[in-house]
């Protein structure tokens, strides 16, 4: 229900075929929800909302699924491990402590 980076959600998106991607239904409490706004975001404590989100995913047209997947993949590609490492090293260097 709550998670930090929620890599499983990101791995799910990355593993989807571009020609027929699935729909990510994601808890609003997951850390990845801030990055993956094109997922169907839901409060997992809202039972009716969960049911509606699952139904939305099941009924979602292919065109919309592709648009959402493409947007999320762009985010994942921009924020890969190399980009994270470079930001982290810059932040360390900015402390002026000789890291």
N, C-alpha and C. Protein backbone atom coordinates (compact mmCIF):
# COMPACT_ATOMS: atom_id res chain seq x y z
N UNK A 1 0.81 -1.19 0.00
CA UNK A 1 0.00 0.00 0.00
C UNK A 1 0.86 1.26 0.00
N UNK A 2 1.98 1.19 0.73
CA UNK A 2 2.93 2.30 0.74
C UNK A 2 4.28 1.74 0.33
N UNK A 3 5.01 2.54 -0.41
CA UNK A 3 6.32 2.08 -0.84
C UNK A 3 7.16 3.29 -1.18
N UNK A 4 8.46 3.09 -1.22
CA UNK A 4 9.38 4.17 -1.56
C UNK A 4 9.42 4.39 -3.06
N UNK A 5 10.41 3.81 -3.71
CA UNK A 5 10.60 4.02 -5.14
C UNK A 5 9.66 3.16 -5.98
N UNK A 6 9.20 2.05 -5.45
CA UNK A 6 8.31 1.14 -6.14
C UNK A 6 8.85 0.74 -7.50
N UNK A 7 9.99 0.09 -7.48
CA UNK A 7 10.62 -0.33 -8.73
C UNK A 7 9.79 -1.35 -9.49
N UNK A 8 8.99 -2.14 -8.80
CA UNK A 8 8.16 -3.13 -9.49
C UNK A 8 7.22 -2.44 -10.47
N UNK A 9 6.64 -1.32 -10.08
CA UNK A 9 5.75 -0.58 -10.99
C UNK A 9 6.52 -0.12 -12.23
N UNK A 10 7.74 0.36 -12.02
CA UNK A 10 8.55 0.82 -13.15
C UNK A 10 8.97 -0.35 -14.03
N UNK A 11 9.30 -1.47 -13.40
CA UNK A 11 9.66 -2.67 -14.16
C UNK A 11 8.48 -3.16 -14.98
N UNK A 12 7.29 -3.06 -14.41
CA UNK A 12 6.08 -3.46 -15.15
C UNK A 12 5.95 -2.63 -16.42
N UNK A 13 6.07 -1.33 -16.29
CA UNK A 13 5.96 -0.45 -17.46
C UNK A 13 7.02 -0.80 -18.49
N UNK A 14 8.26 -0.95 -18.03
CA UNK A 14 9.38 -1.22 -18.95
C UNK A 14 9.23 -2.56 -19.65
N UNK A 15 8.52 -3.50 -19.05
CA UNK A 15 8.40 -4.84 -19.64
C UNK A 15 7.23 -4.97 -20.62
N UNK A 16 6.42 -3.93 -20.74
CA UNK A 16 5.24 -4.02 -21.60
C UNK A 16 5.61 -3.87 -23.08
N UNK A 17 4.95 -4.64 -23.95
CA UNK A 17 5.19 -4.50 -25.39
C UNK A 17 4.58 -3.19 -25.90
N UNK A 18 5.32 -2.46 -26.69
CA UNK A 18 4.85 -1.17 -27.20
C UNK A 18 3.57 -1.30 -28.03
N UNK A 19 3.41 -2.42 -28.70
CA UNK A 19 2.25 -2.57 -29.58
C UNK A 19 0.96 -2.91 -28.82
N UNK A 20 1.09 -3.38 -27.58
CA UNK A 20 -0.11 -3.73 -26.80
C UNK A 20 0.20 -3.67 -25.30
N UNK A 21 0.49 -2.45 -24.79
CA UNK A 21 0.86 -2.35 -23.38
C UNK A 21 -0.33 -2.53 -22.45
N UNK A 22 -0.02 -3.07 -21.27
CA UNK A 22 -1.04 -3.18 -20.24
C UNK A 22 -1.21 -1.85 -19.52
N UNK A 23 -2.09 -1.84 -18.54
CA UNK A 23 -2.39 -0.63 -17.77
C UNK A 23 -1.85 -0.81 -16.36
N UNK A 24 -1.13 0.18 -15.88
CA UNK A 24 -0.62 0.16 -14.51
C UNK A 24 -1.63 0.82 -13.59
N UNK A 25 -2.17 0.06 -12.64
CA UNK A 25 -3.03 0.60 -11.59
C UNK A 25 -2.13 0.71 -10.36
N UNK A 26 -1.96 1.92 -9.86
CA UNK A 26 -0.94 2.19 -8.86
C UNK A 26 -1.52 2.92 -7.65
N UNK A 27 -1.11 2.50 -6.47
CA UNK A 27 -1.54 3.14 -5.23
C UNK A 27 -1.05 4.59 -5.19
N UNK A 28 -1.90 5.47 -4.74
CA UNK A 28 -1.50 6.87 -4.59
C UNK A 28 -0.44 7.03 -3.51
N UNK A 29 -0.24 6.01 -2.69
CA UNK A 29 0.77 6.05 -1.63
C UNK A 29 2.12 5.52 -2.08
N UNK A 30 2.20 4.95 -3.28
CA UNK A 30 3.47 4.43 -3.80
C UNK A 30 4.34 5.60 -4.23
N UNK A 31 5.63 5.51 -3.96
CA UNK A 31 6.55 6.57 -4.37
C UNK A 31 6.52 6.82 -5.86
N UNK A 32 6.33 5.76 -6.64
CA UNK A 32 6.32 5.88 -8.09
C UNK A 32 5.12 6.67 -8.61
N UNK A 33 4.09 6.84 -7.80
CA UNK A 33 2.89 7.56 -8.26
C UNK A 33 3.21 9.00 -8.61
N UNK A 34 4.21 9.58 -7.95
CA UNK A 34 4.59 10.97 -8.26
C UNK A 34 5.23 11.07 -9.64
N UNK A 35 5.94 10.04 -10.04
CA UNK A 35 6.61 10.04 -11.35
C UNK A 35 5.71 9.51 -12.45
N UNK A 36 4.96 8.48 -12.15
CA UNK A 36 4.18 7.78 -13.17
C UNK A 36 2.72 8.23 -13.13
N UNK A 37 2.52 9.49 -13.39
CA UNK A 37 1.18 10.07 -13.33
C UNK A 37 0.23 9.56 -14.39
N UNK A 38 0.75 8.91 -15.41
CA UNK A 38 -0.12 8.35 -16.45
C UNK A 38 -0.68 6.99 -16.07
N UNK A 39 -0.24 6.45 -14.94
CA UNK A 39 -0.85 5.23 -14.42
C UNK A 39 -2.26 5.58 -13.93
N UNK A 40 -3.07 4.58 -13.73
CA UNK A 40 -4.37 4.81 -13.09
C UNK A 40 -4.08 4.83 -11.59
N UNK A 41 -4.13 6.01 -11.01
CA UNK A 41 -3.77 6.20 -9.61
C UNK A 41 -5.02 6.03 -8.74
N UNK A 42 -4.89 5.25 -7.67
CA UNK A 42 -6.04 4.94 -6.84
C UNK A 42 -5.64 4.85 -5.37
N UNK A 43 -6.58 5.20 -4.51
CA UNK A 43 -6.40 5.01 -3.07
C UNK A 43 -6.77 3.55 -2.77
N UNK A 44 -5.82 2.74 -2.33
CA UNK A 44 -6.10 1.31 -2.12
C UNK A 44 -7.08 1.05 -0.97
N UNK A 45 -7.34 2.04 -0.15
CA UNK A 45 -8.31 1.87 0.94
C UNK A 45 -9.74 2.15 0.48
N UNK A 46 -9.88 2.66 -0.74
CA UNK A 46 -11.19 2.95 -1.33
C UNK A 46 -11.59 1.75 -2.20
N UNK A 47 -12.37 0.84 -1.64
CA UNK A 47 -12.72 -0.40 -2.32
C UNK A 47 -13.45 -0.13 -3.64
N UNK A 48 -14.43 0.77 -3.62
CA UNK A 48 -15.14 1.11 -4.86
C UNK A 48 -14.20 1.74 -5.88
N UNK A 49 -13.33 2.63 -5.40
CA UNK A 49 -12.36 3.26 -6.29
C UNK A 49 -11.41 2.26 -6.91
N UNK A 50 -11.01 1.26 -6.12
CA UNK A 50 -10.14 0.20 -6.66
C UNK A 50 -10.85 -0.57 -7.76
N UNK A 51 -12.11 -0.93 -7.50
CA UNK A 51 -12.88 -1.66 -8.49
C UNK A 51 -13.03 -0.84 -9.77
N UNK A 52 -13.31 0.45 -9.61
CA UNK A 52 -13.45 1.33 -10.78
C UNK A 52 -12.13 1.45 -11.54
N UNK A 53 -11.02 1.53 -10.82
CA UNK A 53 -9.71 1.65 -11.46
C UNK A 53 -9.38 0.39 -12.26
N UNK A 54 -9.67 -0.76 -11.68
CA UNK A 54 -9.42 -2.02 -12.39
C UNK A 54 -10.30 -2.10 -13.63
N UNK A 55 -11.56 -1.74 -13.50
CA UNK A 55 -12.47 -1.74 -14.65
C UNK A 55 -11.99 -0.75 -15.71
N UNK A 56 -11.54 0.42 -15.28
CA UNK A 56 -11.01 1.41 -16.22
C UNK A 56 -9.84 0.82 -17.01
N UNK A 57 -8.95 0.12 -16.31
CA UNK A 57 -7.81 -0.50 -16.98
C UNK A 57 -8.25 -1.58 -17.95
N UNK A 58 -9.21 -2.39 -17.55
CA UNK A 58 -9.69 -3.47 -18.42
C UNK A 58 -10.39 -2.93 -19.66
N UNK A 59 -11.10 -1.82 -19.52
CA UNK A 59 -11.87 -1.24 -20.63
C UNK A 59 -11.09 -0.22 -21.46
N UNK A 60 -9.88 0.11 -21.05
CA UNK A 60 -9.14 1.20 -21.70
C UNK A 60 -8.83 0.85 -23.16
N UNK A 61 -9.15 1.76 -24.07
CA UNK A 61 -8.84 1.53 -25.49
C UNK A 61 -7.33 1.47 -25.74
N UNK A 62 -6.96 0.73 -26.76
CA UNK A 62 -5.55 0.53 -27.09
C UNK A 62 -4.83 1.87 -27.29
N UNK A 63 -5.45 2.80 -27.98
CA UNK A 63 -4.80 4.10 -28.23
C UNK A 63 -4.44 4.82 -26.94
N UNK A 64 -5.34 4.81 -25.98
CA UNK A 64 -5.07 5.46 -24.69
C UNK A 64 -3.99 4.71 -23.92
N UNK A 65 -4.04 3.37 -23.98
CA UNK A 65 -3.00 2.58 -23.30
C UNK A 65 -1.62 2.90 -23.87
N UNK A 66 -1.54 3.01 -25.19
CA UNK A 66 -0.26 3.33 -25.83
C UNK A 66 0.22 4.73 -25.42
N UNK A 67 -0.69 5.70 -25.39
CA UNK A 67 -0.31 7.07 -25.00
C UNK A 67 0.22 7.10 -23.57
N UNK A 68 -0.47 6.44 -22.67
CA UNK A 68 -0.04 6.42 -21.27
C UNK A 68 1.30 5.72 -21.13
N UNK A 69 1.44 4.57 -21.80
CA UNK A 69 2.69 3.81 -21.74
C UNK A 69 3.86 4.63 -22.30
N UNK A 70 3.64 5.29 -23.42
CA UNK A 70 4.70 6.10 -24.04
C UNK A 70 5.15 7.20 -23.08
N UNK A 71 4.21 7.87 -22.45
CA UNK A 71 4.55 8.95 -21.50
C UNK A 71 5.35 8.39 -20.32
N UNK A 72 4.95 7.24 -19.80
CA UNK A 72 5.67 6.66 -18.67
C UNK A 72 7.05 6.16 -19.08
N UNK A 73 7.17 5.61 -20.28
CA UNK A 73 8.48 5.14 -20.75
C UNK A 73 9.44 6.31 -20.92
N UNK A 74 8.95 7.45 -21.38
CA UNK A 74 9.82 8.63 -21.50
C UNK A 74 10.37 9.03 -20.14
N UNK A 75 9.55 8.96 -19.12
CA UNK A 75 10.00 9.28 -17.76
C UNK A 75 11.05 8.29 -17.31
N UNK A 76 10.81 7.01 -17.55
CA UNK A 76 11.78 5.98 -17.14
C UNK A 76 13.10 6.14 -17.89
N UNK A 77 13.03 6.46 -19.16
CA UNK A 77 14.26 6.63 -19.95
C UNK A 77 15.05 7.85 -19.50
N UNK A 78 14.37 8.92 -19.09
CA UNK A 78 15.05 10.13 -18.60
C UNK A 78 15.66 9.92 -17.23
N UNK A 79 15.11 9.01 -16.47
CA UNK A 79 15.54 8.81 -15.09
C UNK A 79 16.15 7.43 -14.87
N UNK A 80 17.00 7.02 -15.80
CA UNK A 80 17.64 5.71 -15.63
C UNK A 80 18.77 5.81 -14.59
N UNK A 81 19.45 4.71 -14.34
CA UNK A 81 20.47 4.68 -13.29
C UNK A 81 21.63 5.63 -13.59
N UNK A 82 21.96 5.81 -14.86
CA UNK A 82 23.05 6.72 -15.21
C UNK A 82 22.68 8.16 -14.86
N UNK A 83 21.46 8.56 -15.20
CA UNK A 83 21.02 9.92 -14.87
C UNK A 83 20.97 10.12 -13.36
N UNK A 84 20.49 9.11 -12.64
CA UNK A 84 20.44 9.20 -11.18
C UNK A 84 21.85 9.36 -10.61
N UNK A 85 22.78 8.54 -11.08
CA UNK A 85 24.16 8.60 -10.59
C UNK A 85 24.76 9.98 -10.83
N UNK A 86 24.56 10.53 -12.01
CA UNK A 86 25.12 11.85 -12.32
C UNK A 86 24.54 12.92 -11.41
N UNK A 87 23.24 12.88 -11.16
CA UNK A 87 22.63 13.85 -10.25
C UNK A 87 23.16 13.67 -8.83
N UNK A 88 23.34 12.45 -8.41
CA UNK A 88 23.83 12.16 -7.07
C UNK A 88 25.26 12.67 -6.88
N UNK A 89 26.12 12.40 -7.86
CA UNK A 89 27.52 12.84 -7.77
C UNK A 89 27.59 14.36 -7.79
N UNK A 90 26.78 15.02 -8.62
CA UNK A 90 26.76 16.48 -8.64
C UNK A 90 26.33 17.03 -7.28
N UNK A 91 25.32 16.42 -6.69
CA UNK A 91 24.84 16.88 -5.38
C UNK A 91 25.93 16.70 -4.32
N UNK A 92 26.64 15.60 -4.37
CA UNK A 92 27.74 15.39 -3.42
C UNK A 92 28.83 16.43 -3.63
N UNK A 93 29.17 16.68 -4.89
CA UNK A 93 30.22 17.66 -5.20
C UNK A 93 29.82 19.05 -4.74
N UNK A 94 28.54 19.36 -4.82
CA UNK A 94 28.06 20.69 -4.44
C UNK A 94 28.17 20.95 -2.94
N UNK A 95 28.38 19.92 -2.16
CA UNK A 95 28.51 20.12 -0.71
C UNK A 95 29.84 20.77 -0.36
N UNK A 96 30.81 20.70 -1.28
CA UNK A 96 32.12 21.30 -1.04
C UNK A 96 32.98 20.52 -0.06
N UNK A 97 32.65 19.29 0.18
CA UNK A 97 33.40 18.48 1.14
C UNK A 97 34.42 17.57 0.47
N UNK A 98 34.64 17.74 -0.80
CA UNK A 98 35.63 16.94 -1.50
C UNK A 98 35.21 15.51 -1.79
N UNK A 99 33.93 15.29 -1.86
CA UNK A 99 33.45 13.95 -2.16
C UNK A 99 33.76 13.69 -3.59
